[in-house]
Amino acid sequence: MATVLDVITDALVTVKALAVGEPPGADMTTDALSKFNEVLDALTIQNLAVFSNVTTTFPLVAGIAVYTIGPSGTVVAERPPFVDTVYATYQGVDFEVKSMTQEEYAQLSLKTTPGIPNRFVYHPEYPNGSLTLWPVPYLAGSMTLYQNKIFTNAATIYDTFDMPPGYKKMIRLLLAWELASDYPGLSGDELGKLESDAKTALALVKRNNKKPMMMRSEVAQLDCSGGNNYSNWQNGA
């Protein structure tokens, strides 16, 4: 299995800082390891670059609308760069909670309305993100978040590199692009090709991770058979 050192060495060969088969020196690996982790950090905040999700479940407290999520939050968990899917659970029944913008939340005339939460707004503050629910939970329950898993930084160059197909090439090329200014061994044309190859590798990974989209029209869900008045066939109205 590949190690972080393998990826770093290949990236250094890509920018012609090393010959094929030549081992990197200690200074080179120290710098490259730092940039390797910077590449992982940059990928973490790109939704489609992340291949894995984690689930966080925490208790809802009656009358409490705001929950902080992070290493020192009311919910101790990985701080989400963004939140994907949320649902609330009451007495064994799950209720979808949809996202809204801060502007939509600001337009709510009564933000203290009690009930089963069906909307949320997430603020990716640091070090703890902040999740605000509406309506405010009217009784104790639980909430489950699906969020992208944060890439774990490598502690040493000997850490195992274990990612799905396509990631080794992508990270090698992205790392090589970051290293290119430190080791100016590539011509202008070669730099252009490296930039193009890195973008293509990233695009391929994102395309593979892209989730199917469900298109929905509210008008298509309405029954107009009763004349000029729309009726919602989903709830019998």
Protein backbone atom coordinates (compact mmCIF):
# COMPACT_ATOMS: atom_id res chain seq x y z
CA MET A 1 0.00 0.00 0.00
CA ALA A 2 1.20 3.51 -0.83
CA THR A 3 2.44 5.93 1.79
CA VAL A 4 2.37 9.71 1.95
CA LEU A 5 6.08 9.59 1.14
CA ASP A 6 5.28 7.81 -2.13
CA VAL A 7 2.88 10.58 -3.15
CA ILE A 8 5.35 13.29 -2.12
CA THR A 9 8.21 11.62 -4.02
CA ASP A 10 6.08 11.25 -7.16
CA ALA A 11 5.06 14.92 -6.93
CA LEU A 12 8.70 15.99 -6.63
CA VAL A 13 9.57 13.87 -9.67
CA THR A 14 6.67 15.49 -11.53
CA VAL A 15 8.18 18.96 -11.02
CA LYS A 16 11.66 17.63 -11.86
CA ALA A 17 12.98 18.30 -8.36
CA LEU A 18 14.04 14.65 -8.24
CA ALA A 19 15.10 12.11 -10.82
CA VAL A 20 13.10 8.89 -11.04
CA GLY A 21 14.31 6.60 -8.24
CA GLU A 22 16.04 9.40 -6.34
CA PRO A 23 14.96 9.71 -2.68
CA PRO A 24 14.01 13.14 -1.33
CA GLY A 25 16.01 14.80 1.42
CA ALA A 26 14.69 15.63 4.87
CA ASP A 27 14.13 19.32 4.10
CA MET A 28 12.24 18.46 0.94
CA THR A 29 9.92 16.02 2.68
CA THR A 30 9.25 18.40 5.57
CA ASP A 31 8.15 21.15 3.19
CA ALA A 32 6.25 18.76 0.95
CA LEU A 33 4.41 17.21 3.91
CA SER A 34 3.20 20.65 4.97
CA LYS A 35 1.93 21.35 1.46
CA PHE A 36 0.41 17.86 1.24
CA ASN A 37 -1.74 18.68 4.28
CA GLU A 38 -2.63 22.06 2.78
CA VAL A 39 -3.94 20.24 -0.30
CA LEU A 40 -6.09 18.01 1.94
CA ASP A 41 -7.43 21.08 3.77
CA ALA A 42 -8.37 22.69 0.46
CA LEU A 43 -10.15 19.53 -0.70
CA THR A 44 -12.11 19.28 2.56
CA ILE A 45 -14.02 22.50 1.81
CA GLN A 46 -14.87 21.38 -1.74
CA ASN A 47 -18.09 19.43 -1.41
CA LEU A 48 -17.68 17.08 -4.37
CA ALA A 49 -14.02 16.39 -3.62
CA VAL A 50 -14.97 14.50 -0.43
CA PHE A 51 -15.79 10.82 -0.89
CA SER A 52 -17.14 9.91 2.55
CA ASN A 53 -19.86 11.05 4.93
CA VAL A 54 -20.11 10.83 8.70
CA THR A 55 -23.27 10.78 10.80
CA THR A 56 -23.62 12.84 13.97
CA THR A 57 -26.60 12.30 16.27
CA PHE A 58 -27.26 14.47 19.31
CA PRO A 59 -30.15 15.16 21.69
CA LEU A 60 -32.60 18.00 21.10
CA VAL A 61 -33.57 19.93 24.21
CA ALA A 62 -37.03 21.44 24.50
CA GLY A 63 -36.86 25.21 24.09
CA ILE A 64 -33.30 25.25 22.70
CA ALA A 65 -32.96 26.32 19.06
CA VAL A 66 -29.19 26.84 18.68
CA TYR A 67 -26.57 24.06 18.87
CA THR A 68 -22.84 24.49 18.34
CA ILE A 69 -20.94 21.64 16.70
CA GLY A 70 -17.19 21.21 17.01
CA PRO A 71 -14.38 20.28 19.38
CA SER A 72 -15.72 22.51 22.17
CA GLY A 73 -19.36 22.83 21.10
CA THR A 74 -22.55 21.72 22.79
CA VAL A 75 -22.22 18.82 20.33
CA VAL A 76 -18.65 17.52 20.46
CA ALA A 77 -17.93 16.29 16.94
CA GLU A 78 -16.08 17.25 13.78
CA ARG A 79 -16.97 20.82 12.82
CA PRO A 80 -18.83 20.53 9.49
CA PRO A 81 -17.64 22.87 6.72
CA PHE A 82 -21.27 22.60 5.61
CA VAL A 83 -24.22 20.37 6.49
CA ASP A 84 -25.75 18.10 3.88
CA THR A 85 -28.82 16.31 5.25
CA VAL A 86 -30.62 16.73 8.57
CA TYR A 87 -33.55 14.98 10.20
CA ALA A 88 -35.18 15.20 13.63
CA THR A 89 -36.51 12.13 15.45
CA TYR A 90 -39.44 12.17 17.86
CA GLN A 91 -40.85 8.99 19.39
CA GLY A 92 -39.24 6.85 16.69
CA VAL A 93 -40.50 8.94 13.77
CA ASP A 94 -38.05 10.83 11.52
CA PHE A 95 -38.86 14.29 10.18
CA GLU A 96 -36.87 15.92 7.38
CA VAL A 97 -35.29 19.26 8.27
CA LYS A 98 -34.49 21.40 5.23
CA SER A 99 -31.85 24.10 4.98
CA MET A 100 -32.60 27.80 4.68
CA THR A 101 -30.45 30.87 4.24
CA GLN A 102 -29.73 33.46 6.90
CA GLU A 103 -31.91 35.86 4.92
CA GLU A 104 -34.84 33.43 5.00
CA TYR A 105 -34.38 32.96 8.73
CA ALA A 106 -34.30 36.73 9.24
CA GLN A 107 -37.66 37.01 7.49
CA LEU A 108 -39.37 34.68 9.97
CA SER A 109 -41.70 36.91 11.94
CA LEU A 110 -41.78 34.69 15.04
CA LYS A 111 -38.51 32.87 15.56
CA THR A 112 -39.55 31.38 18.92
CA THR A 113 -42.43 29.34 17.50
CA PRO A 114 -42.42 25.92 19.23
CA GLY A 115 -42.88 22.72 17.27
CA ILE A 116 -41.05 19.99 15.39
CA PRO A 117 -38.07 21.57 13.59
CA ASN A 118 -38.41 21.50 9.82
CA ARG A 119 -35.86 24.17 8.79
CA PHE A 120 -32.29 24.93 9.78
CA VAL A 121 -29.63 27.50 9.04
CA TYR A 122 -25.96 26.58 9.48
CA HIS A 123 -23.12 29.00 10.17
CA PRO A 124 -19.66 27.43 9.57
CA GLU A 125 -18.02 29.44 12.33
CA TYR A 126 -14.68 28.34 13.80
CA PRO A 127 -13.78 26.34 15.81
CA ASN A 128 -17.45 25.41 16.32
CA GLY A 129 -20.17 25.63 13.69
CA SER A 130 -23.60 26.85 14.73
CA LEU A 131 -26.91 25.19 13.81
CA THR A 132 -30.15 27.14 14.36
CA LEU A 133 -33.48 25.29 14.17
CA TRP A 134 -36.99 26.46 13.39
CA PRO A 135 -39.50 25.90 14.84
CA VAL A 136 -37.84 25.64 18.23
CA PRO A 137 -38.02 22.03 19.55
CA TYR A 138 -41.12 21.77 21.72
CA LEU A 139 -39.98 18.59 23.47
CA ALA A 140 -36.93 16.39 23.82
CA GLY A 141 -35.89 14.40 20.76
CA SER A 142 -32.79 13.81 18.69
CA MET A 143 -31.23 15.19 15.55
CA THR A 144 -29.02 13.47 12.99
CA LEU A 145 -26.67 15.25 10.61
CA TYR A 146 -25.04 13.81 7.51
CA GLN A 147 -21.89 15.76 6.74
CA ASN A 148 -18.78 15.36 4.66
CA LYS A 149 -15.94 13.63 6.44
CA ILE A 150 -12.94 15.90 6.96
CA PHE A 151 -9.70 14.65 5.43
CA THR A 152 -7.26 13.75 8.19
CA ASN A 153 -3.90 15.45 7.89
CA ALA A 154 -0.84 13.21 7.68
CA ALA A 155 1.24 13.22 10.85
CA THR A 156 4.35 11.80 9.16
CA ILE A 157 5.51 10.95 5.68
CA TYR A 158 5.21 7.28 6.61
CA ASP A 159 1.44 7.43 7.13
CA THR A 160 -0.51 5.11 4.87
CA PHE A 161 -2.18 6.73 1.86
CA ASP A 162 -5.52 4.97 1.59
CA MET A 163 -8.05 6.67 -0.69
CA PRO A 164 -10.33 5.56 -3.54
CA PRO A 165 -9.15 5.26 -7.15
CA GLY A 166 -8.28 8.58 -8.73
CA TYR A 167 -7.26 10.34 -5.52
CA LYS A 168 -3.57 9.46 -5.62
CA LYS A 169 -3.15 10.97 -9.07
CA MET A 170 -5.25 14.01 -8.19
CA ILE A 171 -3.34 14.76 -4.98
CA ARG A 172 0.03 14.10 -6.64
CA LEU A 173 -0.79 16.65 -9.36
CA LEU A 174 -2.26 19.20 -6.97
CA LEU A 175 0.77 18.84 -4.71
CA ALA A 176 3.12 19.15 -7.68
CA TRP A 177 1.36 22.39 -8.64
CA GLU A 178 1.92 23.71 -5.11
CA LEU A 179 5.59 22.69 -5.24
CA ALA A 180 6.27 24.05 -8.71
CA SER A 181 7.15 27.55 -7.48
CA ASP A 182 9.73 26.09 -5.07
CA TYR A 183 11.40 23.95 -7.74
CA PRO A 184 11.33 25.92 -11.03
CA GLY A 185 12.43 23.06 -13.23
CA LEU A 186 9.41 23.04 -15.56
CA SER A 187 9.13 25.06 -18.74
CA GLY A 188 6.15 27.32 -19.37
CA ASP A 189 4.49 24.66 -21.53
CA GLU A 190 5.11 22.01 -18.88
CA LEU A 191 3.59 24.24 -16.21
CA GLY A 192 0.56 24.76 -18.39
CA LYS A 193 0.17 21.02 -18.87
CA LEU A 194 0.56 20.40 -15.13
CA GLU A 195 -2.14 22.93 -14.35
CA SER A 196 -4.45 21.39 -16.94
CA ASP A 197 -3.77 17.83 -15.74
CA ALA A 198 -4.42 18.81 -12.10
CA LYS A 199 -7.74 20.45 -13.00
CA THR A 200 -8.78 17.42 -15.05
CA ALA A 201 -7.91 14.98 -12.26
CA LEU A 202 -9.89 17.05 -9.74
CA ALA A 203 -12.85 17.30 -12.12
CA LEU A 204 -12.89 13.51 -12.65
CA VAL A 205 -13.00 12.87 -8.90
CA LYS A 206 -15.77 15.43 -8.42
CA ARG A 207 -17.75 13.96 -11.31
CA ASN A 208 -17.47 10.51 -9.74
CA ASN A 209 -18.64 11.84 -6.37
CA LYS A 210 -21.54 13.82 -7.81
CA LYS A 211 -24.86 12.77 -6.34
CA PRO A 212 -27.94 12.25 -8.53
CA MET A 213 -30.18 15.30 -8.58
CA MET A 214 -33.93 15.00 -8.10
CA MET A 215 -35.84 17.67 -9.95
CA ARG A 216 -39.16 18.57 -8.38
CA SER A 217 -41.85 21.02 -9.43
CA GLU A 218 -44.40 22.15 -6.88
CA VAL A 219 -46.85 22.92 -9.69
CA ALA A 220 -46.50 19.37 -11.03
CA GLN A 221 -47.52 18.07 -7.62
CA LEU A 222 -50.75 20.02 -7.67
CA ASP A 223 -54.04 18.80 -9.13
CA CYS A 224 -55.87 21.40 -11.22
CA SER A 225 -58.87 19.19 -12.00
CA GLY A 226 -61.14 21.14 -9.71
CA GLY A 227 -61.28 24.25 -11.89
CA ASN A 228 -59.12 27.26 -11.19
CA ASN A 229 -58.21 26.17 -7.67
CA TYR A 230 -55.11 24.09 -7.10
CA SER A 231 -55.31 21.18 -4.68
CA ASN A 232 -52.36 19.40 -3.19
CA TRP A 233 -52.78 15.69 -3.91
CA GLN A 234 -49.99 14.84 -1.44
CA ASN A 235 -51.81 15.97 1.69
CA GLY A 236 -55.39 15.73 0.44
CA ALA A 237 -55.97 19.48 0.60
